[in-house]
Amino acid sequence: MKVLVKEAILRCGHDGKVENVPSQEWVRVTGSPVLVATDPQGRDISMCPHISINIKPCRKTLPVIRGYSAFIRIGGKAVCLDTVEGFTDGTPPGAVKYTVRRPGQTLVGAGS
């Protein structure tokens, strides 16, 4: 599994783009900050095409349900792995997930 960095590509189930905002800047891979626990949640999702009457597009990520390393921590927070996934606030509730398409780097891996 690869460690996620700011340039990682996370998408909602409808292909909307998740904005990555790292909470730490001191540990980097190829110049990009590594994402740590809670970085993927509460983030904006743009360009979700799932729009219709009584259907809310994905706008925000909800808490991560899996994908943090149990072994590697930065500043006491677990690093995010390319297995990160969680739900979005889109409709129907509890049905649409966000997942990693690309980790943003190919050099550093970690165990779950």
PDB file of N, CA and C in Angstrom:
ATOM      1  N   MET A   1       0.830  -1.172   0.000  1.00  0.00           N
ATOM      2  CA  MET A   1       0.000   0.000   0.000  1.00  0.00           C
ATOM      3  C   MET A   1       0.883   1.247   0.000  1.00  0.00           C
ATOM      4  N   LYS A   2       0.458   2.240  -0.717  1.00  0.00           N
ATOM      5  CA  LYS A   2       1.205   3.484  -0.815  1.00  0.00           C
ATOM      6  C   LYS A   2       0.666   4.522   0.159  1.00  0.00           C
ATOM      7  N   VAL A   3       1.563   5.399   0.613  1.00  0.00           N
ATOM      8  CA  VAL A   3       1.205   6.507   1.494  1.00  0.00           C
ATOM      9  C   VAL A   3       0.612   7.623   0.633  1.00  0.00           C
ATOM     10  N   LEU A   4      -0.469   8.259   1.120  1.00  0.00           N
ATOM     11  CA  LEU A   4      -1.084   9.354   0.373  1.00  0.00           C
ATOM     12  C   LEU A   4      -0.372  10.670   0.631  1.00  0.00           C
ATOM     13  N   VAL A   5      -0.258  11.470  -0.421  1.00  0.00           N
ATOM     14  CA  VAL A   5       0.293  12.818  -0.323  1.00  0.00           C
ATOM     15  C   VAL A   5      -0.740  13.809  -0.868  1.00  0.00           C
ATOM     16  N   LYS A   6      -0.458  15.079  -0.732  1.00  0.00           N
ATOM     17  CA  LYS A   6      -1.403  16.122  -1.148  1.00  0.00           C
ATOM     18  C   LYS A   6      -1.871  15.947  -2.590  1.00  0.00           C
ATOM     19  N   GLU A   7      -1.025  15.477  -3.482  1.00  0.00           N
ATOM     20  CA  GLU A   7      -1.377  15.323  -4.895  1.00  0.00           C
ATOM     21  C   GLU A   7      -2.202  14.065  -5.171  1.00  0.00           C
ATOM     22  N   ALA A   8      -2.554  13.311  -4.142  1.00  0.00           N
ATOM     23  CA  ALA A   8      -3.377  12.108  -4.326  1.00  0.00           C
ATOM     24  C   ALA A   8      -4.703  12.483  -4.977  1.00  0.00           C
ATOM     25  N   ILE A   9      -5.255  11.555  -5.713  1.00  0.00           N
ATOM     26  CA  ILE A   9      -6.548  11.773  -6.348  1.00  0.00           C
ATOM     27  C   ILE A   9      -7.582  10.908  -5.643  1.00  0.00           C
ATOM     28  N   LEU A  10      -8.508  11.583  -4.961  1.00  0.00           N
ATOM     29  CA  LEU A  10      -9.639  10.924  -4.318  1.00  0.00           C
ATOM     30  C   LEU A  10     -10.895  11.403  -5.028  1.00  0.00           C
ATOM     31  N   ARG A  11     -11.822  10.479  -5.275  1.00  0.00           N
ATOM     32  CA  ARG A  11     -13.050  10.802  -5.994  1.00  0.00           C
ATOM     33  C   ARG A  11     -14.258  10.191  -5.301  1.00  0.00           C
ATOM     34  N   CYS A  12     -15.390  10.876  -5.430  1.00  0.00           N
ATOM     35  CA  CYS A  12     -16.638  10.302  -4.934  1.00  0.00           C
ATOM     36  C   CYS A  12     -17.079   9.226  -5.928  1.00  0.00           C
ATOM     37  N   GLY A  13     -18.069   8.459  -5.561  1.00  0.00           N
ATOM     38  CA  GLY A  13     -18.561   7.383  -6.412  1.00  0.00           C
ATOM     39  C   GLY A  13     -19.117   7.843  -7.747  1.00  0.00           C
ATOM     40  N   HIS A  14     -19.383   9.143  -7.876  1.00  0.00           N
ATOM     41  CA  HIS A  14     -19.888   9.709  -9.131  1.00  0.00           C
ATOM     42  C   HIS A  14     -18.786  10.406  -9.909  1.00  0.00           C
ATOM     43  N   ASP A  15     -17.571  10.356  -9.409  1.00  0.00           N
ATOM     44  CA  ASP A  15     -16.374  10.937 -10.022  1.00  0.00           C
ATOM     45  C   ASP A  15     -16.164  12.409  -9.692  1.00  0.00           C
ATOM     46  N   GLY A  16     -16.786  12.913  -8.620  1.00  0.00           N
ATOM     47  CA  GLY A  16     -16.497  14.262  -8.149  1.00  0.00           C
ATOM     48  C   GLY A  16     -15.123  14.288  -7.496  1.00  0.00           C
ATOM     49  N   LYS A  17     -14.445  15.412  -7.577  1.00  0.00           N
ATOM     50  CA  LYS A  17     -13.065  15.530  -7.084  1.00  0.00           C
ATOM     51  C   LYS A  17     -13.011  16.014  -5.633  1.00  0.00           C
ATOM     52  N   VAL A  18     -12.285  15.265  -4.802  1.00  0.00           N
ATOM     53  CA  VAL A  18     -12.080  15.625  -3.399  1.00  0.00           C
ATOM     54  C   VAL A  18     -10.855  16.531  -3.290  1.00  0.00           C
ATOM     55  N   GLU A  19     -10.999  17.637  -2.570  1.00  0.00           N
ATOM     56  CA  GLU A  19      -9.884  18.557  -2.345  1.00  0.00           C
ATOM     57  C   GLU A  19      -9.045  18.065  -1.164  1.00  0.00           C
ATOM     58  N   ASN A  20      -7.754  17.868  -1.383  1.00  0.00           N
ATOM     59  CA  ASN A  20      -6.856  17.442  -0.308  1.00  0.00           C
ATOM     60  C   ASN A  20      -6.242  18.651   0.380  1.00  0.00           C
ATOM     61  N   VAL A  21      -6.315  18.659   1.710  1.00  0.00           N
ATOM     62  CA  VAL A  21      -5.711  19.723   2.502  1.00  0.00           C
ATOM     63  C   VAL A  21      -4.920  19.059   3.622  1.00  0.00           C
ATOM     64  N   PRO A  22      -3.585  19.036   3.510  1.00  0.00           N
ATOM     65  CA  PRO A  22      -2.783  18.394   4.555  1.00  0.00           C
ATOM     66  C   PRO A  22      -2.751  19.214   5.842  1.00  0.00           C
ATOM     67  N   SER A  23      -2.772  18.517   6.963  1.00  0.00           N
ATOM     68  CA  SER A  23      -2.717  19.208   8.255  1.00  0.00           C
ATOM     69  C   SER A  23      -1.296  19.299   8.794  1.00  0.00           C
ATOM     70  N   GLN A  24      -0.359  18.666   8.113  1.00  0.00           N
ATOM     71  CA  GLN A  24       1.043  18.758   8.520  1.00  0.00           C
ATOM     72  C   GLN A  24       1.860  19.037   7.263  1.00  0.00           C
ATOM     73  N   GLU A  25       2.983  19.720   7.438  1.00  0.00           N
ATOM     74  CA  GLU A  25       3.827  20.108   6.304  1.00  0.00           C
ATOM     75  C   GLU A  25       5.265  19.603   6.420  1.00  0.00           C
ATOM     76  N   TRP A  26       5.651  19.065   7.578  1.00  0.00           N
ATOM     77  CA  TRP A  26       7.068  18.768   7.787  1.00  0.00           C
ATOM     78  C   TRP A  26       7.517  17.429   7.205  1.00  0.00           C
ATOM     79  N   VAL A  27       6.630  16.451   7.030  1.00  0.00           N
ATOM     80  CA  VAL A  27       7.027  15.187   6.404  1.00  0.00           C
ATOM     81  C   VAL A  27       6.467  15.171   4.993  1.00  0.00           C
ATOM     82  N   ARG A  28       7.386  14.991   4.028  1.00  0.00           N
ATOM     83  CA  ARG A  28       7.008  15.056   2.619  1.00  0.00           C
ATOM     84  C   ARG A  28       7.589  13.875   1.846  1.00  0.00           C
ATOM     85  N   VAL A  29       6.930  13.553   0.755  1.00  0.00           N
ATOM     86  CA  VAL A  29       7.431  12.563  -0.198  1.00  0.00           C
ATOM     87  C   VAL A  29       7.444  13.261  -1.547  1.00  0.00           C
ATOM     88  N   THR A  30       8.586  13.252  -2.205  1.00  0.00           N
ATOM     89  CA  THR A  30       8.799  13.974  -3.465  1.00  0.00           C
ATOM     90  C   THR A  30       8.289  15.416  -3.388  1.00  0.00           C
ATOM     91  N   GLY A  31       8.507  16.051  -2.248  1.00  0.00           N
ATOM     92  CA  GLY A  31       8.156  17.448  -2.061  1.00  0.00           C
ATOM     93  C   GLY A  31       6.718  17.726  -1.672  1.00  0.00           C
ATOM     94  N   SER A  32       5.916  16.680  -1.569  1.00  0.00           N
ATOM     95  CA  SER A  32       4.495  16.859  -1.257  1.00  0.00           C
ATOM     96  C   SER A  32       4.182  16.380   0.156  1.00  0.00           C
ATOM     97  N   PRO A  33       3.424  17.144   0.948  1.00  0.00           N
ATOM     98  CA  PRO A  33       3.098  16.741   2.316  1.00  0.00           C
ATOM     99  C   PRO A  33       2.299  15.438   2.375  1.00  0.00           C
ATOM    100  N   VAL A  34       2.653  14.595   3.326  1.00  0.00           N
ATOM    101  CA  VAL A  34       1.942  13.335   3.550  1.00  0.00           C
ATOM    102  C   VAL A  34       0.629  13.641   4.266  1.00  0.00           C
ATOM    103  N   LEU A  35      -0.453  12.975   3.846  1.00  0.00           N
ATOM    104  CA  LEU A  35      -1.748  13.131   4.495  1.00  0.00           C
ATOM    105  C   LEU A  35      -1.813  12.224   5.718  1.00  0.00           C
ATOM    106  N   VAL A  36      -2.386  12.738   6.799  1.00  0.00           N
ATOM    107  CA  VAL A  36      -2.505  11.980   8.047  1.00  0.00           C
ATOM    108  C   VAL A  36      -3.969  11.918   8.489  1.00  0.00           C
ATOM    109  N   ALA A  37      -4.206  11.184   9.568  1.00  0.00           N
ATOM    110  CA  ALA A  37      -5.566  10.961  10.066  1.00  0.00           C
ATOM    111  C   ALA A  37      -6.376  12.252  10.141  1.00  0.00           C
ATOM    112  N   THR A  38      -7.555  12.159   9.709  1.00  0.00           N
ATOM    113  CA  THR A  38      -8.613  13.169   9.587  1.00  0.00           C
ATOM    114  C   THR A  38      -8.403  14.161   8.441  1.00  0.00           C
ATOM    115  N   ASP A  39      -7.267  14.105   7.733  1.00  0.00           N
ATOM    116  CA  ASP A  39      -7.100  14.997   6.578  1.00  0.00           C
ATOM    117  C   ASP A  39      -8.163  14.763   5.500  1.00  0.00           C
ATOM    118  N   PRO A  40      -8.558  13.513   5.199  1.00  0.00           N
ATOM    119  CA  PRO A  40      -9.545  13.317   4.124  1.00  0.00           C
ATOM    120  C   PRO A  40     -10.988  13.669   4.500  1.00  0.00           C
ATOM    121  N   GLN A  41     -11.297  13.832   5.763  1.00  0.00           N
ATOM    122  CA  GLN A  41     -12.702  14.058   6.122  1.00  0.00           C
ATOM    123  C   GLN A  41     -13.053  15.534   6.239  1.00  0.00           C
ATOM    124  N   GLY A  42     -14.290  15.836   5.902  1.00  0.00           N
ATOM    125  CA  GLY A  42     -14.761  17.210   5.927  1.00  0.00           C
ATOM    126  C   GLY A  42     -14.250  18.038   4.770  1.00  0.00           C
ATOM    127  N   ARG A  43     -13.779  17.391   3.728  1.00  0.00           N
ATOM    128  CA  ARG A  43     -13.211  18.105   2.572  1.00  0.00           C
ATOM    129  C   ARG A  43     -14.263  18.355   1.508  1.00  0.00           C
ATOM    130  N   ASP A  44     -14.057  19.424   0.755  1.00  0.00           N
ATOM    131  CA  ASP A  44     -14.971  19.772  -0.326  1.00  0.00           C
ATOM    132  C   ASP A  44     -14.850  18.783  -1.474  1.00  0.00           C
ATOM    133  N   ILE A  45     -15.977  18.504  -2.098  1.00  0.00           N
ATOM    134  CA  ILE A  45     -16.029  17.688  -3.309  1.00  0.00           C
ATOM    135  C   ILE A  45     -16.590  18.581  -4.409  1.00  0.00           C
ATOM    136  N   SER A  46     -15.851  18.700  -5.495  1.00  0.00           N
ATOM    137  CA  SER A  46     -16.309  19.537  -6.604  1.00  0.00           C
ATOM    138  C   SER A  46     -16.621  18.668  -7.819  1.00  0.00           C
ATOM    139  N   MET A  47     -17.427  19.197  -8.690  1.00  0.00           N
ATOM    140  CA  MET A  47     -17.766  18.572  -9.972  1.00  0.00           C
ATOM    141  C   MET A  47     -18.497  17.234  -9.850  1.00  0.00           C
ATOM    142  N   CYS A  48     -19.241  17.006  -8.778  1.00  0.00           N
ATOM    143  CA  CYS A  48     -20.047  15.789  -8.684  1.00  0.00           C
ATOM    144  C   CYS A  48     -21.232  15.957  -9.631  1.00  0.00           C
ATOM    145  N   PRO A  49     -21.365  15.067 -10.607  1.00  0.00           N
ATOM    146  CA  PRO A  49     -22.425  15.224 -11.603  1.00  0.00           C
ATOM    147  C   PRO A  49     -23.784  14.676 -11.168  1.00  0.00           C
ATOM    148  N   HIS A  50     -23.872  14.144  -9.966  1.00  0.00           N
ATOM    149  CA  HIS A  50     -25.093  13.482  -9.500  1.00  0.00           C
ATOM    150  C   HIS A  50     -26.102  14.522  -9.011  1.00  0.00           C
ATOM    151  N   ILE A  51     -26.752  15.209  -9.965  1.00  0.00           N
ATOM    152  CA  ILE A  51     -27.685  16.284  -9.642  1.00  0.00           C
ATOM    153  C   ILE A  51     -29.017  16.004 -10.343  1.00  0.00           C
ATOM    154  N   SER A  52     -30.082  16.117  -9.575  1.00  0.00           N
ATOM    155  CA  SER A  52     -31.427  15.946 -10.116  1.00  0.00           C
ATOM    156  C   SER A  52     -32.427  16.447  -9.081  1.00  0.00           C
ATOM    157  N   ILE A  53     -33.694  16.344  -9.389  1.00  0.00           N
ATOM    158  CA  ILE A  53     -34.727  16.729  -8.434  1.00  0.00           C
ATOM    159  C   ILE A  53     -34.671  15.771  -7.249  1.00  0.00           C
ATOM    160  N   ASN A  54     -34.648  16.319  -6.042  1.00  0.00           N
ATOM    161  CA  ASN A  54     -34.581  15.557  -4.787  1.00  0.00           C
ATOM    162  C   ASN A  54     -33.305  14.725  -4.638  1.00  0.00           C
ATOM    163  N   ILE A  55     -32.280  15.035  -5.404  1.00  0.00           N
ATOM    164  CA  ILE A  55     -30.998  14.345  -5.279  1.00  0.00           C
ATOM    165  C   ILE A  55     -29.925  15.380  -4.987  1.00  0.00           C
ATOM    166  N   LYS A  56     -29.243  15.177  -3.884  1.00  0.00           N
ATOM    167  CA  LYS A  56     -28.174  16.081  -3.473  1.00  0.00           C
ATOM    168  C   LYS A  56     -26.835  15.539  -3.977  1.00  0.00           C
ATOM    169  N   PRO A  57     -26.066  16.337  -4.710  1.00  0.00           N
ATOM    170  CA  PRO A  57     -24.748  15.876  -5.146  1.00  0.00           C
ATOM    171  C   PRO A  57     -23.792  15.780  -3.956  1.00  0.00           C
ATOM    172  N   CYS A  58     -22.723  15.072  -4.134  1.00  0.00           N
ATOM    173  CA  CYS A  58     -21.694  14.963  -3.096  1.00  0.00           C
ATOM    174  C   CYS A  58     -20.992  16.308  -2.983  1.00  0.00           C
ATOM    175  N   ARG A  59     -20.969  16.881  -1.775  1.00  0.00           N
ATOM    176  CA  ARG A  59     -20.326  18.176  -1.544  1.00  0.00           C
ATOM    177  C   ARG A  59     -19.215  18.096  -0.500  1.00  0.00           C
ATOM    178  N   LYS A  60     -19.319  17.136   0.443  1.00  0.00           N
ATOM    179  CA  LYS A  60     -18.335  17.001   1.521  1.00  0.00           C
ATOM    180  C   LYS A  60     -18.048  15.525   1.796  1.00  0.00           C
ATOM    181  N   THR A  61     -16.829  15.263   2.251  1.00  0.00           N
ATOM    182  CA  THR A  61     -16.477  13.918   2.699  1.00  0.00           C
ATOM    183  C   THR A  61     -16.837  13.762   4.170  1.00  0.00           C
ATOM    184  N   LEU A  62     -17.258  12.585   4.539  1.00  0.00           N
ATOM    185  CA  LEU A  62     -17.557  12.249   5.926  1.00  0.00           C
ATOM    186  C   LEU A  62     -16.351  11.498   6.495  1.00  0.00           C
ATOM    187  N   PRO A  63     -16.362  11.091   7.777  1.00  0.00           N
ATOM    188  CA  PRO A  63     -15.190  10.430   8.361  1.00  0.00           C
ATOM    189  C   PRO A  63     -14.726   9.184   7.599  1.00  0.00           C
ATOM    190  N   VAL A  64     -13.429   8.979   7.613  1.00  0.00           N
ATOM    191  CA  VAL A  64     -12.806   7.805   6.999  1.00  0.00           C
ATOM    192  C   VAL A  64     -13.263   6.560   7.748  1.00  0.00           C
ATOM    193  N   ILE A  65     -13.626   5.507   7.001  1.00  0.00           N
ATOM    194  CA  ILE A  65     -14.032   4.255   7.648  1.00  0.00           C
ATOM    195  C   ILE A  65     -12.920   3.206   7.614  1.00  0.00           C
ATOM    196  N   ARG A  66     -11.959   3.381   6.733  1.00  0.00           N
ATOM    197  CA  ARG A  66     -10.774   2.520   6.714  1.00  0.00           C
ATOM    198  C   ARG A  66      -9.688   3.175   5.871  1.00  0.00           C
ATOM    199  N   GLY A  67      -8.435   2.744   6.116  1.00  0.00           N
ATOM    200  CA  GLY A  67      -7.344   3.237   5.286  1.00  0.00           C
ATOM    201  C   GLY A  67      -6.236   3.975   6.010  1.00  0.00           C
ATOM    202  N   TYR A  68      -6.259   3.961   7.360  1.00  0.00           N
ATOM    203  CA  TYR A  68      -5.157   4.557   8.114  1.00  0.00           C
ATOM    204  C   TYR A  68      -4.158   3.462   8.479  1.00  0.00           C
ATOM    205  N   SER A  69      -2.871   3.804   8.494  1.00  0.00           N
ATOM    206  CA  SER A  69      -1.847   2.856   8.918  1.00  0.00           C
ATOM    207  C   SER A  69      -1.921   2.650  10.426  1.00  0.00           C
ATOM    208  N   ALA A  70      -1.820   1.406  10.840  1.00  0.00           N
ATOM    209  CA  ALA A  70      -1.802   1.096  12.274  1.00  0.00           C
ATOM    210  C   ALA A  70      -0.390   1.224  12.838  1.00  0.00           C
ATOM    211  N   PHE A  71       0.613   1.374  11.962  1.00  0.00           N
ATOM    212  CA  PHE A  71       2.012   1.370  12.401  1.00  0.00           C
ATOM    213  C   PHE A  71       2.726   2.709  12.289  1.00  0.00           C
ATOM    214  N   ILE A  72       2.432   3.461  11.259  1.00  0.00           N
ATOM    215  CA  ILE A  72       3.192   4.682  10.994  1.00  0.00           C
ATOM    216  C   ILE A  72       2.383   5.913  11.393  1.00  0.00           C
ATOM    217  N   ARG A  73       3.027   6.790  12.174  1.00  0.00           N
ATOM    218  CA  ARG A  73       2.381   8.008  12.642  1.00  0.00           C
ATOM    219  C   ARG A  73       3.305   9.205  12.412  1.00  0.00           C
ATOM    220  N   ILE A  74       2.671  10.338  12.199  1.00  0.00           N
ATOM    221  CA  ILE A  74       3.384  11.608  12.086  1.00  0.00           C
ATOM    222  C   ILE A  74       2.711  12.553  13.066  1.00  0.00           C
ATOM    223  N   GLY A  75       3.462  13.046  14.028  1.00  0.00           N
ATOM    224  CA  GLY A  75       2.886  13.933  15.035  1.00  0.00           C
ATOM    225  C   GLY A  75       1.757  13.274  15.809  1.00  0.00           C
ATOM    226  N   GLY A  76       1.847  11.961  15.987  1.00  0.00           N
ATOM    227  CA  GLY A  76       0.833  11.220  16.722  1.00  0.00           C
ATOM    228  C   GLY A  76      -0.379  10.811  15.904  1.00  0.00           C
ATOM    229  N   LYS A  77      -0.426  11.196  14.629  1.00  0.00           N
ATOM    230  CA  LYS A  77      -1.559  10.846  13.758  1.00  0.00           C
ATOM    231  C   LYS A  77      -1.142   9.787  12.744  1.00  0.00           C
ATOM    232  N   ALA A  78      -2.009   8.816  12.527  1.00  0.00           N
ATOM    233  CA  ALA A  78      -1.735   7.751  11.559  1.00  0.00           C
ATOM    234  C   ALA A  78      -1.676   8.323  10.146  1.00  0.00           C
ATOM    235  N   VAL A  79      -0.766   7.792   9.316  1.00  0.00           N
ATOM    236  CA  VAL A  79      -0.697   8.235   7.926  1.00  0.00           C
ATOM    237  C   VAL A  79      -1.825   7.587   7.132  1.00  0.00           C
ATOM    238  N   CYS A  80      -2.233   8.261   6.077  1.00  0.00           N
ATOM    239  CA  CYS A  80      -3.285   7.764   5.190  1.00  0.00           C
ATOM    240  C   CYS A  80      -2.660   6.862   4.126  1.00  0.00           C
ATOM    241  N   LEU A  81      -3.326   5.772   3.843  1.00  0.00           N
ATOM    242  CA  LEU A  81      -2.869   4.828   2.833  1.00  0.00           C
ATOM    243  C   LEU A  81      -3.794   4.869   1.620  1.00  0.00           C
ATOM    244  N   ASP A  82      -3.363   4.231   0.535  1.00  0.00           N
ATOM    245  CA  ASP A  82      -4.179   4.249  -0.680  1.00  0.00           C
ATOM    246  C   ASP A  82      -5.451   3.405  -0.575  1.00  0.00           C
ATOM    247  N   THR A  83      -5.725   2.876   0.600  1.00  0.00           N
ATOM    248  CA  THR A  83      -6.972   2.135   0.846  1.00  0.00           C
ATOM    249  C   THR A  83      -8.018   3.005   1.544  1.00  0.00           C
ATOM    250  N   VAL A  84      -7.740   4.302   1.710  1.00  0.00           N
ATOM    251  CA  VAL A  84      -8.677   5.207   2.384  1.00  0.00           C
ATOM    252  C   VAL A  84     -10.029   5.195   1.662  1.00  0.00           C
ATOM    253  N   GLU A  85     -11.088   5.072   2.465  1.00  0.00           N
ATOM    254  CA  GLU A  85     -12.435   5.232   1.931  1.00  0.00           C
ATOM    255  C   GLU A  85     -13.372   5.689   3.035  1.00  0.00           C
ATOM    256  N   GLY A  86     -14.419   6.335   2.629  1.00  0.00           N
ATOM    257  CA  GLY A  86     -15.440   6.817   3.557  1.00  0.00           C
ATOM    258  C   GLY A  86     -16.655   7.222   2.749  1.00  0.00           C
ATOM    259  N   PHE A  87     -17.687   7.670   3.423  1.00  0.00           N
ATOM    260  CA  PHE A  87     -18.907   8.082   2.737  1.00  0.00           C
ATOM    261  C   PHE A  87     -18.895   9.579   2.478  1.00  0.00           C
ATOM    262  N   THR A  88     -19.745   9.993   1.541  1.00  0.00           N
ATOM    263  CA  THR A  88     -19.938  11.410   1.256  1.00  0.00           C
ATOM    264  C   THR A  88     -21.296  11.842   1.812  1.00  0.00           C
ATOM    265  N   ASP A  89     -21.574  13.126   1.724  1.00  0.00           N
ATOM    266  CA  ASP A  89     -22.867  13.632   2.170  1.00  0.00           C
ATOM    267  C   ASP A  89     -23.925  13.625   1.073  1.00  0.00           C
ATOM    268  N   GLY A  90     -23.618  13.012  -0.072  1.00  0.00           N
ATOM    269  CA  GLY A  90     -24.564  12.953  -1.184  1.00  0.00           C
ATOM    270  C   GLY A  90     -25.706  11.987  -0.913  1.00  0.00           C
ATOM    271  N   THR A  91     -26.718  12.036  -1.774  1.00  0.00           N
ATOM    272  CA  THR A  91     -27.863  11.136  -1.610  1.00  0.00           C
ATOM    273  C   THR A  91     -27.709   9.914  -2.500  1.00  0.00           C
ATOM    274  N   PRO A  92     -28.227   8.795  -2.075  1.00  0.00           N
ATOM    275  CA  PRO A  92     -28.861   8.549  -0.780  1.00  0.00           C
ATOM    276  C   PRO A  92     -27.825   8.473   0.337  1.00  0.00           C
ATOM    277  N   PRO A  93     -28.174   8.919   1.555  1.00  0.00           N
ATOM    278  CA  PRO A  93     -27.231   8.913   2.677  1.00  0.00           C
ATOM    279  C   PRO A  93     -26.680   7.506   2.958  1.00  0.00           C
ATOM    280  N   GLY A  94     -25.390   7.441   3.214  1.00  0.00           N
ATOM    281  CA  GLY A  94     -24.756   6.170   3.554  1.00  0.00           C
ATOM    282  C   GLY A  94     -24.585   5.223   2.383  1.00  0.00           C
ATOM    283  N   ALA A  95     -24.673   5.725   1.153  1.00  0.00           N
ATOM    284  CA  ALA A  95     -24.557   4.854  -0.010  1.00  0.00           C
ATOM    285  C   ALA A  95     -23.388   5.213  -0.927  1.00  0.00           C
ATOM    286  N   VAL A  96     -22.976   6.470  -0.935  1.00  0.00           N
ATOM    287  CA  VAL A  96     -21.935   6.919  -1.861  1.00  0.00           C
ATOM    288  C   VAL A  96     -20.619   7.070  -1.116  1.00  0.00           C
ATOM    289  N   LYS A  97     -19.594   6.377  -1.597  1.00  0.00           N
ATOM    290  CA  LYS A  97     -18.273   6.432  -0.956  1.00  0.00           C
ATOM    291  C   LYS A  97     -17.303   7.284  -1.773  1.00  0.00           C
ATOM    292  N   TYR A  98     -16.290   7.770  -1.081  1.00  0.00           N
ATOM    293  CA  TYR A  98     -15.131   8.350  -1.759  1.00  0.00           C
ATOM    294  C   TYR A  98     -13.980   7.368  -1.586  1.00  0.00           C
ATOM    295  N   THR A  99     -13.144   7.250  -2.606  1.00  0.00           N
ATOM    296  CA  THR A  99     -12.023   6.321  -2.600  1.00  0.00           C
ATOM    297  C   THR A  99     -10.815   6.960  -3.285  1.00  0.00           C
ATOM    298  N   VAL A 100      -9.685   6.295  -3.169  1.00  0.00           N
ATOM    299  CA  VAL A 100      -8.432   6.773  -3.759  1.00  0.00           C
ATOM    300  C   VAL A 100      -8.300   6.221  -5.176  1.00  0.00           C
ATOM    301  N   ARG A 101      -8.026   7.094  -6.110  1.00  0.00           N
ATOM    302  CA  ARG A 101      -7.737   6.671  -7.485  1.00  0.00           C
ATOM    303  C   ARG A 101      -6.228   6.537  -7.698  1.00  0.00           C
ATOM    304  N   ARG A 102      -5.485   7.526  -7.139  1.00  0.00           N
ATOM    305  CA  ARG A 102      -4.024   7.499  -7.207  1.00  0.00           C
ATOM    306  C   ARG A 102      -3.465   8.086  -5.927  1.00  0.00           C
ATOM    307  N   PRO A 103      -2.406   7.483  -5.370  1.00  0.00           N
ATOM    308  CA  PRO A 103      -1.864   7.970  -4.099  1.00  0.00           C
ATOM    309  C   PRO A 103      -1.060   9.264  -4.206  1.00  0.00           C
ATOM    310  N   GLY A 104      -0.702   9.681  -5.426  1.00  0.00           N
ATOM    311  CA  GLY A 104       0.053  10.919  -5.597  1.00  0.00           C
ATOM    312  C   GLY A 104       1.558  10.720  -5.584  1.00  0.00           C
ATOM    313  N   GLN A 105       1.996   9.522  -5.274  1.00  0.00           N
ATOM    314  CA  GLN A 105       3.420   9.180  -5.310  1.00  0.00           C
ATOM    315  C   GLN A 105       3.549   7.672  -5.422  1.00  0.00           C
ATOM    316  N   THR A 106       4.727   7.199  -5.881  1.00  0.00           N
ATOM    317  CA  THR A 106       4.932   5.757  -6.069  1.00  0.00           C
ATOM    318  C   THR A 106       6.153   5.230  -5.313  1.00  0.00           C
ATOM    319  N   LEU A 107       6.771   6.061  -4.477  1.00  0.00           N
ATOM    320  CA  LEU A 107       8.007   5.663  -3.822  1.00  0.00           C
ATOM    321  C   LEU A 107       7.822   5.034  -2.450  1.00  0.00           C
ATOM    322  N   VAL A 108       6.911   5.548  -1.640  1.00  0.00           N
ATOM    323  CA  VAL A 108       6.812   5.137  -0.237  1.00  0.00           C
ATOM    324  C   VAL A 108       5.557   4.304   0.002  1.00  0.00           C
ATOM    325  N   GLY A 109       5.780   3.102   0.545  1.00  0.00           N
ATOM    326  CA  GLY A 109       4.680   2.225   0.897  1.00  0.00           C
ATOM    327  C   GLY A 109       4.685   1.982   2.395  1.00  0.00           C
ATOM    328  N   ALA A 110       3.579   1.413   2.888  1.00  0.00           N
ATOM    329  CA  ALA A 110       3.466   1.128   4.315  1.00  0.00           C
ATOM    330  C   ALA A 110       2.494  -0.034   4.498  1.00  0.00           C
ATOM    331  N   GLY A 111       2.617  -0.718   5.632  1.00  0.00           N
ATOM    332  CA  GLY A 111       1.670  -1.765   5.969  1.00  0.00           C
ATOM    333  C   GLY A 111       0.444  -1.162   6.624  1.00  0.00           C
ATOM    334  N   SER A 112      -0.622  -1.908   6.579  1.00  0.00           N
ATOM    335  CA  SER A 112      -1.853  -1.402   7.238  1.00  0.00           C
ATOM    336  C   SER A 112      -1.696  -1.575   8.706  1.00  0.00           C
TER     337      SER A 112
END
